[in-house]
Amino acid sequence: MKLIIDTDAGVDDAQAILLALADPALDLLAITTVTGNVHIRQVNPNVLTILEIMGRDAPVYAGIERPLVQPWEDAAEFHGGDGLGNFRGRPPLRRGIEAEHAVLALLRLAREYAGELTLVALGPLTNIAAAIRLDPEFPARIKDFIFMGGTIAAQGNTPIVTAEYNIYTDPEAAYITLEAFPRSTMLSWETTVAHGFAWHKFEALCAIDSVAGRFFRAISQEAAQRLRADFGSPAYLLPDPLAMAIALRPDIMRESAEYAVTVELNGAKTRGQTVIDYLGRSGQPRNCRIVTKLDIDSVYALFVQALA
């Protein structure tokens, strides 16, 4: 697999990148960065830190630093001020950010590897939308496009209660992206909530004594505490790792269906909500495969393998 990861490098992004870096069959062509969970000024060193700790290398391209239209709101309340759960073990960075802009790198790589690329978007879709506007043929050159974002039952995690954070942060970018891609795979917030790791399994992962295991434990503790104490969650949630797991092992998908999906841009109480034509009344093409059930045991096995 030839993979590009587009990320806003929060805690769950880092966990997803760990899964990718542990796959020996993967050719990670690029990591592109975007403002989302934290500002891109912090996203960039976060990605470089992950690569440094894991002893891996991949070109990292800095992307767009704000949503296309609306003001940016961070998610530091969940991810910590640094985006990595206030991680204290940062090593010196021997790598740097590439000179080429992320959007131009996306366009170049899509031309060089037309029909071969898997693109996994873990944050707001700002870079993807900009690439589409610069080159409308960009989506046709991507083999598989998988994104974490959106809601399937209007049960969001943002001040717009029907919207999920990645889509809420840049609704215009999501609208442009879904309109342009003839087919994408969507991992929604509700599917995330339904497929967490039971706490005893999460604790078992945190007990893995390896470089990757210790890093996982260090960045995950604050988010875990918040999920337990403030939300009473029965499980540790893994939004971005689930999207990555779908890319790495498509056979973990147990239930999915294709629908026409777009994004609401104007509703005073629904801006940023993904709108799904479940009954086929819009006449629009079915542009999105929505995943609703996963083999969570296989995802857990992926984590054990990656961390050990």
C-alpha atoms as a PDB file:
ATOM      1  CA  MET A   1       0.000   0.000   0.000  1.00  0.00           C
ATOM      2  CA  LYS A   2       1.180   3.504  -0.890  1.00  0.00           C
ATOM      3  CA  LEU A   3      -0.179   5.754   1.853  1.00  0.00           C
ATOM      4  CA  ILE A   4      -0.512   9.461   2.555  1.00  0.00           C
ATOM      5  CA  ILE A   5      -1.697  10.577   6.000  1.00  0.00           C
ATOM      6  CA  ASP A   6      -3.277  14.015   6.392  1.00  0.00           C
ATOM      7  CA  THR A   7      -3.326  14.870  10.080  1.00  0.00           C
ATOM      8  CA  ASP A   8      -3.927  17.495  12.763  1.00  0.00           C
ATOM      9  CA  ALA A   9      -1.745  15.423  15.142  1.00  0.00           C
ATOM     10  CA  GLY A  10      -3.742  15.087  18.301  1.00  0.00           C
ATOM     11  CA  VAL A  11      -3.546  12.097  20.622  1.00  0.00           C
ATOM     12  CA  ASP A  12      -5.648   9.749  18.501  1.00  0.00           C
ATOM     13  CA  ASP A  13      -3.843  10.895  15.337  1.00  0.00           C
ATOM     14  CA  ALA A  14      -0.570   9.874  16.970  1.00  0.00           C
ATOM     15  CA  GLN A  15      -2.018   6.466  17.831  1.00  0.00           C
ATOM     16  CA  ALA A  16      -3.199   6.047  14.234  1.00  0.00           C
ATOM     17  CA  ILE A  17       0.237   6.981  12.905  1.00  0.00           C
ATOM     18  CA  LEU A  18       1.773   4.390  15.251  1.00  0.00           C
ATOM     19  CA  LEU A  19      -0.385   1.715  13.618  1.00  0.00           C
ATOM     20  CA  ALA A  20       0.776   2.790  10.166  1.00  0.00           C
ATOM     21  CA  LEU A  21       4.464   2.941  11.121  1.00  0.00           C
ATOM     22  CA  ALA A  22       4.281  -0.595  12.511  1.00  0.00           C
ATOM     23  CA  ASP A  23       3.029  -2.101   9.243  1.00  0.00           C
ATOM     24  CA  PRO A  24       6.028  -3.510   7.325  1.00  0.00           C
ATOM     25  CA  ALA A  25       4.056  -3.762   4.085  1.00  0.00           C
ATOM     26  CA  LEU A  26       3.279  -0.050   4.054  1.00  0.00           C
ATOM     27  CA  ASP A  27       4.983   2.559   1.894  1.00  0.00           C
ATOM     28  CA  LEU A  28       4.351   5.825   3.735  1.00  0.00           C
ATOM     29  CA  LEU A  29       4.942   8.398   1.020  1.00  0.00           C
ATOM     30  CA  ALA A  30       4.059  11.499   3.023  1.00  0.00           C
ATOM     31  CA  ILE A  31       2.455  12.961   6.109  1.00  0.00           C
ATOM     32  CA  THR A  32       0.693  16.262   5.467  1.00  0.00           C
ATOM     33  CA  THR A  33      -0.314  18.533   8.322  1.00  0.00           C
ATOM     34  CA  VAL A  34      -3.243  20.851   8.965  1.00  0.00           C
ATOM     35  CA  THR A  35      -4.595  22.958  11.800  1.00  0.00           C
ATOM     36  CA  GLY A  36      -7.298  21.192  13.792  1.00  0.00           C
ATOM     37  CA  ASN A  37      -6.937  19.683  17.248  1.00  0.00           C
ATOM     38  CA  VAL A  38      -4.099  22.167  17.751  1.00  0.00           C
ATOM     39  CA  HIS A  39      -2.554  24.800  15.501  1.00  0.00           C
ATOM     40  CA  ILE A  40      -0.264  23.621  12.737  1.00  0.00           C
ATOM     41  CA  ARG A  41       2.651  25.268  14.574  1.00  0.00           C
ATOM     42  CA  GLN A  42       2.245  22.461  17.115  1.00  0.00           C
ATOM     43  CA  VAL A  43       1.045  19.795  14.691  1.00  0.00           C
ATOM     44  CA  ASN A  44       4.325  19.876  12.770  1.00  0.00           C
ATOM     45  CA  PRO A  45       6.633  19.126  15.732  1.00  0.00           C
ATOM     46  CA  ASN A  46       4.128  16.538  16.967  1.00  0.00           C
ATOM     47  CA  VAL A  47       4.438  14.554  13.739  1.00  0.00           C
ATOM     48  CA  LEU A  48       8.212  14.873  13.786  1.00  0.00           C
ATOM     49  CA  THR A  49       8.243  13.715  17.418  1.00  0.00           C
ATOM     50  CA  ILE A  50       6.258  10.581  16.548  1.00  0.00           C
ATOM     51  CA  LEU A  51       8.706   9.715  13.771  1.00  0.00           C
ATOM     52  CA  GLU A  52      11.692  10.401  16.041  1.00  0.00           C
ATOM     53  CA  ILE A  53      10.425   8.224  18.874  1.00  0.00           C
ATOM     54  CA  MET A  54       9.564   5.388  16.510  1.00  0.00           C
ATOM     55  CA  GLY A  55      12.883   5.645  14.677  1.00  0.00           C
ATOM     56  CA  ARG A  56      11.133   5.985  11.343  1.00  0.00           C
ATOM     57  CA  ASP A  57      11.358   8.482   8.535  1.00  0.00           C
ATOM     58  CA  ALA A  58       8.815   9.962   6.151  1.00  0.00           C
ATOM     59  CA  PRO A  59       8.603  13.349   4.476  1.00  0.00           C
ATOM     60  CA  VAL A  60       6.368  15.765   6.383  1.00  0.00           C
ATOM     61  CA  TYR A  61       4.714  18.641   4.540  1.00  0.00           C
ATOM     62  CA  ALA A  62       3.100  21.585   6.313  1.00  0.00           C
ATOM     63  CA  GLY A  63      -0.339  22.548   5.047  1.00  0.00           C
ATOM     64  CA  ILE A  64      -2.995  25.182   5.630  1.00  0.00           C
ATOM     65  CA  GLU A  65      -3.020  26.927   8.989  1.00  0.00           C
ATOM     66  CA  ARG A  66      -6.715  27.801   9.339  1.00  0.00           C
ATOM     67  CA  PRO A  67     -10.166  26.725   8.099  1.00  0.00           C
ATOM     68  CA  LEU A  68     -11.205  28.045   4.704  1.00  0.00           C
ATOM     69  CA  VAL A  69     -13.910  30.391   6.019  1.00  0.00           C
ATOM     70  CA  GLN A  70     -14.745  30.297   9.711  1.00  0.00           C
ATOM     71  CA  PRO A  71     -12.597  31.018  12.764  1.00  0.00           C
ATOM     72  CA  TRP A  72     -10.664  28.071  14.180  1.00  0.00           C
ATOM     73  CA  GLU A  73     -11.483  26.455  17.534  1.00  0.00           C
ATOM     74  CA  ASP A  74      -8.950  24.045  19.000  1.00  0.00           C
ATOM     75  CA  ALA A  75      -9.583  20.769  20.834  1.00  0.00           C
ATOM     76  CA  ALA A  76      -6.855  21.243  23.429  1.00  0.00           C
ATOM     77  CA  GLU A  77      -9.379  20.523  26.191  1.00  0.00           C
ATOM     78  CA  PHE A  78      -9.182  16.873  25.149  1.00  0.00           C
ATOM     79  CA  HIS A  79      -5.747  16.611  23.491  1.00  0.00           C
ATOM     80  CA  GLY A  80      -3.774  18.812  25.862  1.00  0.00           C
ATOM     81  CA  GLY A  81      -2.153  22.119  25.084  1.00  0.00           C
ATOM     82  CA  ASP A  82       0.526  20.451  22.975  1.00  0.00           C
ATOM     83  CA  GLY A  83      -1.858  18.084  21.171  1.00  0.00           C
ATOM     84  CA  LEU A  84      -0.115  14.998  22.592  1.00  0.00           C
ATOM     85  CA  GLY A  85      -1.656  14.866  26.049  1.00  0.00           C
ATOM     86  CA  ASN A  86       0.967  17.286  27.432  1.00  0.00           C
ATOM     87  CA  PHE A  87       3.705  14.797  26.594  1.00  0.00           C
ATOM     88  CA  ARG A  88       6.892  15.412  28.574  1.00  0.00           C
ATOM     89  CA  GLY A  89       9.322  13.030  26.909  1.00  0.00           C
ATOM     90  CA  ARG A  90      10.018  14.834  23.651  1.00  0.00           C
ATOM     91  CA  PRO A  91      13.411  13.943  22.167  1.00  0.00           C
ATOM     92  CA  PRO A  92      15.509  16.386  20.126  1.00  0.00           C
ATOM     93  CA  LEU A  93      14.256  16.504  16.553  1.00  0.00           C
ATOM     94  CA  ARG A  94      16.712  15.511  13.843  1.00  0.00           C
ATOM     95  CA  ARG A  95      14.197  15.867  11.025  1.00  0.00           C
ATOM     96  CA  GLY A  96      12.593  18.977   9.613  1.00  0.00           C
ATOM     97  CA  ILE A  97       9.554  19.950   7.588  1.00  0.00           C
ATOM     98  CA  GLU A  98       9.889  19.744   3.810  1.00  0.00           C
ATOM     99  CA  ALA A  99       9.979  22.998   1.860  1.00  0.00           C
ATOM    100  CA  GLU A 100       7.126  22.014  -0.453  1.00  0.00           C
ATOM    101  CA  HIS A 101       3.623  22.974   0.682  1.00  0.00           C
ATOM    102  CA  ALA A 102       1.378  20.061   1.695  1.00  0.00           C
ATOM    103  CA  VAL A 103      -1.274  20.835  -0.928  1.00  0.00           C
ATOM    104  CA  LEU A 104       1.309  20.905  -3.715  1.00  0.00           C
ATOM    105  CA  ALA A 105       2.820  17.676  -2.384  1.00  0.00           C
ATOM    106  CA  LEU A 106      -0.620  16.033  -2.482  1.00  0.00           C
ATOM    107  CA  LEU A 107      -1.094  17.082  -6.102  1.00  0.00           C
ATOM    108  CA  ARG A 108       2.397  15.976  -7.117  1.00  0.00           C
ATOM    109  CA  LEU A 109       2.166  12.578  -5.461  1.00  0.00           C
ATOM    110  CA  ALA A 110      -1.308  11.991  -6.894  1.00  0.00           C
ATOM    111  CA  ARG A 111       0.109  12.544 -10.383  1.00  0.00           C
ATOM    112  CA  GLU A 112       3.200  10.414  -9.753  1.00  0.00           C
ATOM    113  CA  TYR A 113       1.202   7.508  -8.281  1.00  0.00           C
ATOM    114  CA  ALA A 114      -2.119   7.930 -10.061  1.00  0.00           C
ATOM    115  CA  GLY A 115      -4.489   5.121  -9.182  1.00  0.00           C
ATOM    116  CA  GLU A 116      -2.199   3.701  -6.465  1.00  0.00           C
ATOM    117  CA  LEU A 117      -2.615   5.998  -3.458  1.00  0.00           C
ATOM    118  CA  THR A 118      -4.558   5.453  -0.264  1.00  0.00           C
ATOM    119  CA  LEU A 119      -5.263   8.815   1.386  1.00  0.00           C
ATOM    120  CA  VAL A 120      -6.300   8.751   5.046  1.00  0.00           C
ATOM    121  CA  ALA A 121      -7.559  12.059   6.460  1.00  0.00           C
ATOM    122  CA  LEU A 122      -7.528  12.259  10.250  1.00  0.00           C
ATOM    123  CA  GLY A 123      -8.385  15.947  10.711  1.00  0.00           C
ATOM    124  CA  PRO A 124     -10.286  18.766   9.022  1.00  0.00           C
ATOM    125  CA  LEU A 125     -10.327  18.385   5.238  1.00  0.00           C
ATOM    126  CA  THR A 126      -8.818  21.803   4.478  1.00  0.00           C
ATOM    127  CA  ASN A 127      -5.771  20.537   2.568  1.00  0.00           C
ATOM    128  CA  ILE A 128      -7.869  18.056   0.586  1.00  0.00           C
ATOM    129  CA  ALA A 129     -10.374  20.728  -0.465  1.00  0.00           C
ATOM    130  CA  ALA A 130      -7.583  23.091  -1.533  1.00  0.00           C
ATOM    131  CA  ALA A 131      -6.031  20.341  -3.655  1.00  0.00           C
ATOM    132  CA  ILE A 132      -9.399  19.768  -5.326  1.00  0.00           C
ATOM    133  CA  ARG A 133      -9.825  23.450  -6.121  1.00  0.00           C
ATOM    134  CA  LEU A 134      -6.325  23.615  -7.630  1.00  0.00           C
ATOM    135  CA  ASP A 135      -6.816  20.428  -9.641  1.00  0.00           C
ATOM    136  CA  PRO A 136     -10.357  19.049 -10.052  1.00  0.00           C
ATOM    137  CA  GLU A 137      -8.849  15.768 -11.328  1.00  0.00           C
ATOM    138  CA  PHE A 138      -7.149  15.140  -7.981  1.00  0.00           C
ATOM    139  CA  PRO A 139      -9.901  12.846  -6.583  1.00  0.00           C
ATOM    140  CA  ALA A 140      -9.858  10.668  -9.694  1.00  0.00           C
ATOM    141  CA  ARG A 141      -6.155   9.927  -9.102  1.00  0.00           C
ATOM    142  CA  ILE A 142      -6.714   8.608  -5.558  1.00  0.00           C
ATOM    143  CA  LYS A 143      -7.365   4.879  -5.247  1.00  0.00           C
ATOM    144  CA  ASP A 144      -8.932   4.947  -1.757  1.00  0.00           C
ATOM    145  CA  PHE A 145      -9.966   7.935   0.343  1.00  0.00           C
ATOM    146  CA  ILE A 146     -10.785   7.239   3.984  1.00  0.00           C
ATOM    147  CA  PHE A 147     -11.642   9.920   6.497  1.00  0.00           C
ATOM    148  CA  MET A 148     -12.552  10.132  10.152  1.00  0.00           C
ATOM    149  CA  GLY A 149     -15.373  12.587  10.505  1.00  0.00           C
ATOM    150  CA  GLY A 150     -19.063  13.297  10.473  1.00  0.00           C
ATOM    151  CA  THR A 151     -22.099  11.919  12.222  1.00  0.00           C
ATOM    152  CA  ILE A 152     -24.586   9.311  11.028  1.00  0.00           C
ATOM    153  CA  ALA A 153     -27.309   9.948  13.598  1.00  0.00           C
ATOM    154  CA  ALA A 154     -26.761  13.649  14.390  1.00  0.00           C
ATOM    155  CA  GLN A 155     -25.024  12.803  17.688  1.00  0.00           C
ATOM    156  CA  GLY A 156     -21.980  15.058  17.524  1.00  0.00           C
ATOM    157  CA  ASN A 157     -19.232  16.174  19.886  1.00  0.00           C
ATOM    158  CA  THR A 158     -19.156  19.945  19.284  1.00  0.00           C
ATOM    159  CA  PRO A 159     -21.120  23.091  20.266  1.00  0.00           C
ATOM    160  CA  ILE A 160     -23.191  22.352  17.140  1.00  0.00           C
ATOM    161  CA  VAL A 161     -24.542  19.243  18.806  1.00  0.00           C
ATOM    162  CA  THR A 162     -25.292  17.431  15.543  1.00  0.00           C
ATOM    163  CA  ALA A 163     -21.750  17.885  14.157  1.00  0.00           C
ATOM    164  CA  GLU A 164     -18.465  16.026  14.646  1.00  0.00           C
ATOM    165  CA  TYR A 165     -15.288  18.037  15.290  1.00  0.00           C
ATOM    166  CA  ASN A 166     -13.332  17.469  12.058  1.00  0.00           C
ATOM    167  CA  ILE A 167     -16.278  18.457   9.865  1.00  0.00           C
ATOM    168  CA  TYR A 168     -17.411  21.198  12.254  1.00  0.00           C
ATOM    169  CA  THR A 169     -13.952  22.800  12.122  1.00  0.00           C
ATOM    170  CA  ASP A 170     -14.055  23.333   8.340  1.00  0.00           C
ATOM    171  CA  PRO A 171     -17.512  22.600   6.904  1.00  0.00           C
ATOM    172  CA  GLU A 172     -16.737  24.211   3.553  1.00  0.00           C
ATOM    173  CA  ALA A 173     -13.710  21.981   3.076  1.00  0.00           C
ATOM    174  CA  ALA A 174     -15.767  18.894   3.891  1.00  0.00           C
ATOM    175  CA  TYR A 175     -18.515  19.994   1.513  1.00  0.00           C
ATOM    176  CA  ILE A 176     -16.017  20.525  -1.325  1.00  0.00           C
ATOM    177  CA  THR A 177     -14.343  17.185  -0.643  1.00  0.00           C
ATOM    178  CA  LEU A 178     -17.500  15.080  -0.498  1.00  0.00           C
ATOM    179  CA  GLU A 179     -18.874  16.782  -3.589  1.00  0.00           C
ATOM    180  CA  ALA A 180     -15.702  16.028  -5.556  1.00  0.00           C
ATOM    181  CA  PHE A 181     -14.784  12.489  -4.527  1.00  0.00           C
ATOM    182  CA  PRO A 182     -16.861   9.914  -6.399  1.00  0.00           C
ATOM    183  CA  ARG A 183     -16.340   7.454  -3.540  1.00  0.00           C
ATOM    184  CA  SER A 184     -14.964   7.754  -0.037  1.00  0.00           C
ATOM    185  CA  THR A 185     -15.089   5.765   3.186  1.00  0.00           C
ATOM    186  CA  MET A 186     -16.384   7.495   6.308  1.00  0.00           C
ATOM    187  CA  LEU A 187     -15.700   6.539   9.923  1.00  0.00           C
ATOM    188  CA  SER A 188     -18.234   8.522  11.937  1.00  0.00           C
ATOM    189  CA  TRP A 189     -18.228   9.745  15.511  1.00  0.00           C
ATOM    190  CA  GLU A 190     -21.074   7.411  16.474  1.00  0.00           C
ATOM    191  CA  THR A 191     -19.186   4.411  15.098  1.00  0.00           C
ATOM    192  CA  THR A 192     -16.219   5.506  17.194  1.00  0.00           C
ATOM    193  CA  VAL A 193     -18.352   5.624  20.337  1.00  0.00           C
ATOM    194  CA  ALA A 194     -19.689   2.125  19.611  1.00  0.00           C
ATOM    195  CA  HIS A 195     -16.222   0.626  19.106  1.00  0.00           C
ATOM    196  CA  GLY A 196     -13.979   1.628  22.002  1.00  0.00           C
ATOM    197  CA  PHE A 197     -11.552  -0.539  23.942  1.00  0.00           C
ATOM    198  CA  ALA A 198     -12.907  -1.758  27.272  1.00  0.00           C
ATOM    199  CA  TRP A 199     -10.867  -0.186  30.061  1.00  0.00           C
ATOM    200  CA  HIS A 200      -9.096  -3.398  31.025  1.00  0.00           C
ATOM    201  CA  LYS A 201      -7.922  -3.778  27.426  1.00  0.00           C
ATOM    202  CA  PHE A 202      -6.747  -0.171  27.338  1.00  0.00           C
ATOM    203  CA  GLU A 203      -4.794  -0.734  30.561  1.00  0.00           C
ATOM    204  CA  ALA A 204      -3.215  -3.850  29.057  1.00  0.00           C
ATOM    205  CA  LEU A 205      -1.969  -1.792  26.115  1.00  0.00           C
ATOM    206  CA  CYS A 206      -0.582   0.823  28.499  1.00  0.00           C
ATOM    207  CA  ALA A 207       1.360  -1.914  30.267  1.00  0.00           C
ATOM    208  CA  ILE A 208       3.306  -2.924  27.156  1.00  0.00           C
ATOM    209  CA  ASP A 209       6.906  -2.073  27.972  1.00  0.00           C
ATOM    210  CA  SER A 210       8.352  -1.004  24.641  1.00  0.00           C
ATOM    211  CA  VAL A 211       9.240   2.310  23.060  1.00  0.00           C
ATOM    212  CA  ALA A 212       5.881   2.446  21.304  1.00  0.00           C
ATOM    213  CA  GLY A 213       4.029   1.139  24.361  1.00  0.00           C
ATOM    214  CA  ARG A 214       5.506   3.742  26.688  1.00  0.00           C
ATOM    215  CA  PHE A 215       4.723   6.490  24.186  1.00  0.00           C
ATOM    216  CA  PHE A 216       1.137   5.255  23.843  1.00  0.00           C
ATOM    217  CA  ARG A 217       0.736   5.269  27.624  1.00  0.00           C
ATOM    218  CA  ALA A 218       2.246   8.729  28.050  1.00  0.00           C
ATOM    219  CA  ILE A 219       0.071  10.480  25.469  1.00  0.00           C
ATOM    220  CA  SER A 220      -3.158   8.636  26.345  1.00  0.00           C
ATOM    221  CA  GLN A 221      -3.476   9.141  30.098  1.00  0.00           C
ATOM    222  CA  GLU A 222      -5.040  12.618  30.187  1.00  0.00           C
ATOM    223  CA  ALA A 223      -7.610  11.759  27.525  1.00  0.00           C
ATOM    224  CA  ALA A 224      -8.426   8.513  29.319  1.00  0.00           C
ATOM    225  CA  GLN A 225      -8.910  10.309  32.622  1.00  0.00           C
ATOM    226  CA  ARG A 226     -11.226  12.834  30.989  1.00  0.00           C
ATOM    227  CA  LEU A 227     -13.273  10.111  29.291  1.00  0.00           C
ATOM    228  CA  ARG A 228     -13.657   8.253  32.569  1.00  0.00           C
ATOM    229  CA  ALA A 229     -14.160  11.115  35.011  1.00  0.00           C
ATOM    230  CA  ASP A 230     -16.031  13.702  32.970  1.00  0.00           C
ATOM    231  CA  PHE A 231     -17.980  11.570  30.518  1.00  0.00           C
ATOM    232  CA  GLY A 232     -18.320   8.256  32.317  1.00  0.00           C
ATOM    233  CA  SER A 233     -17.338   6.457  29.140  1.00  0.00           C
ATOM    234  CA  PRO A 234     -17.395   2.653  29.404  1.00  0.00           C
ATOM    235  CA  ALA A 235     -14.470   2.428  26.981  1.00  0.00           C
ATOM    236  CA  TYR A 236     -11.435   4.242  25.634  1.00  0.00           C
ATOM    237  CA  LEU A 237     -12.344   5.852  22.305  1.00  0.00           C
ATOM    238  CA  LEU A 238     -10.187   5.586  19.170  1.00  0.00           C
ATOM    239  CA  PRO A 239     -11.548   7.813  16.381  1.00  0.00           C
ATOM    240  CA  ASP A 240      -8.493   8.123  14.151  1.00  0.00           C
ATOM    241  CA  PRO A 241      -7.005   4.671  14.839  1.00  0.00           C
ATOM    242  CA  LEU A 242     -10.256   3.073  13.666  1.00  0.00           C
ATOM    243  CA  ALA A 243     -10.029   4.981  10.371  1.00  0.00           C
ATOM    244  CA  MET A 244      -6.415   3.895   9.983  1.00  0.00           C
ATOM    245  CA  ALA A 245      -7.292   0.298  10.819  1.00  0.00           C
ATOM    246  CA  ILE A 246      -9.867   0.327   8.008  1.00  0.00           C
ATOM    247  CA  ALA A 247      -7.152   1.449   5.606  1.00  0.00           C
ATOM    248  CA  LEU A 248      -4.617  -1.124   6.802  1.00  0.00           C
ATOM    249  CA  ARG A 249      -7.026  -4.065   7.139  1.00  0.00           C
ATOM    250  CA  PRO A 250     -10.226  -3.518   5.128  1.00  0.00           C
ATOM    251  CA  ASP A 251     -11.473  -6.925   6.228  1.00  0.00           C
ATOM    252  CA  ILE A 252     -12.150  -5.563   9.728  1.00  0.00           C
ATOM    253  CA  MET A 253     -15.221  -3.804   8.327  1.00  0.00           C
ATOM    254  CA  ARG A 254     -18.254  -5.888   9.264  1.00  0.00           C
ATOM    255  CA  GLU A 255     -21.114  -3.637   8.172  1.00  0.00           C
ATOM    256  CA  SER A 256     -21.138  -0.729   5.736  1.00  0.00           C
ATOM    257  CA  ALA A 257     -23.437   0.801   3.146  1.00  0.00           C
ATOM    258  CA  GLU A 258     -23.185   3.466   0.472  1.00  0.00           C
ATOM    259  CA  TYR A 259     -25.198   6.673   0.540  1.00  0.00           C
ATOM    260  CA  ALA A 260     -25.202  10.168  -0.884  1.00  0.00           C
ATOM    261  CA  VAL A 261     -23.552  12.362   1.761  1.00  0.00           C
ATOM    262  CA  THR A 262     -23.092  16.118   1.918  1.00  0.00           C
ATOM    263  CA  VAL A 263     -22.507  18.766   4.601  1.00  0.00           C
ATOM    264  CA  GLU A 264     -24.892  21.401   5.909  1.00  0.00           C
ATOM    265  CA  LEU A 265     -23.353  24.875   5.634  1.00  0.00           C
ATOM    266  CA  ASN A 266     -26.162  27.233   6.587  1.00  0.00           C
ATOM    267  CA  GLY A 267     -28.207  25.828   9.467  1.00  0.00           C
ATOM    268  CA  ALA A 268     -28.000  27.924  12.619  1.00  0.00           C
ATOM    269  CA  LYS A 269     -28.070  24.754  14.711  1.00  0.00           C
ATOM    270  CA  THR A 270     -26.785  22.207  12.178  1.00  0.00           C
ATOM    271  CA  ARG A 271     -23.847  23.835  10.369  1.00  0.00           C
ATOM    272  CA  GLY A 272     -21.179  21.168   9.887  1.00  0.00           C
ATOM    273  CA  GLN A 273     -23.559  18.229  10.186  1.00  0.00           C
ATOM    274  CA  THR A 274     -23.111  15.480   7.628  1.00  0.00           C
ATOM    275  CA  VAL A 275     -26.414  14.999   5.821  1.00  0.00           C
ATOM    276  CA  ILE A 276     -27.026  11.411   4.699  1.00  0.00           C
ATOM    277  CA  ASP A 277     -29.653  10.443   2.137  1.00  0.00           C
ATOM    278  CA  TYR A 278     -30.637   7.142   3.707  1.00  0.00           C
ATOM    279  CA  LEU A 279     -33.770   6.745   1.570  1.00  0.00           C
ATOM    280  CA  GLY A 280     -32.282   7.777  -1.776  1.00  0.00           C
ATOM    281  CA  ARG A 281     -34.630  10.729  -2.248  1.00  0.00           C
ATOM    282  CA  SER A 282     -32.087  13.359  -3.296  1.00  0.00           C
ATOM    283  CA  GLY A 283     -31.236  11.847  -6.660  1.00  0.00           C
ATOM    284  CA  GLN A 284     -27.552  12.413  -5.871  1.00  0.00           C
ATOM    285  CA  PRO A 285     -24.970   9.675  -6.491  1.00  0.00           C
ATOM    286  CA  ARG A 286     -23.970   7.454  -3.578  1.00  0.00           C
ATOM    287  CA  ASN A 287     -20.571   8.961  -2.956  1.00  0.00           C
ATOM    288  CA  CYS A 288     -19.729   7.596   0.489  1.00  0.00           C
ATOM    289  CA  ARG A 289     -19.341   4.185   2.075  1.00  0.00           C
ATOM    290  CA  ILE A 290     -20.365   4.579   5.705  1.00  0.00           C
ATOM    291  CA  VAL A 291     -18.862   2.040   8.091  1.00  0.00           C
ATOM    292  CA  THR A 292     -21.147   1.137  11.004  1.00  0.00           C
ATOM    293  CA  LYS A 293     -19.640  -2.040  12.437  1.00  0.00           C
ATOM    294  CA  LEU A 294     -16.029  -3.175  12.912  1.00  0.00           C
ATOM    295  CA  ASP A 295     -14.225  -6.218  14.238  1.00  0.00           C
ATOM    296  CA  ILE A 296     -12.880  -4.449  17.313  1.00  0.00           C
ATOM    297  CA  ASP A 297     -10.946  -7.524  18.449  1.00  0.00           C
ATOM    298  CA  SER A 298      -8.905  -7.352  15.245  1.00  0.00           C
ATOM    299  CA  VAL A 299      -8.264  -3.652  15.846  1.00  0.00           C
ATOM    300  CA  TYR A 300      -7.024  -4.516  19.324  1.00  0.00           C
ATOM    301  CA  ALA A 301      -4.733  -7.173  17.866  1.00  0.00           C
ATOM    302  CA  LEU A 302      -3.315  -4.530  15.506  1.00  0.00           C
ATOM    303  CA  PHE A 303      -2.504  -2.349  18.508  1.00  0.00           C
ATOM    304  CA  VAL A 304      -0.853  -5.175  20.407  1.00  0.00           C
ATOM    305  CA  GLN A 305       1.309  -5.951  17.399  1.00  0.00           C
ATOM    306  CA  ALA A 306       2.164  -2.278  16.817  1.00  0.00           C
ATOM    307  CA  LEU A 307       3.070  -1.522  20.421  1.00  0.00           C
ATOM    308  CA  ALA A 308       4.949  -4.745  21.104  1.00  0.00           C
END
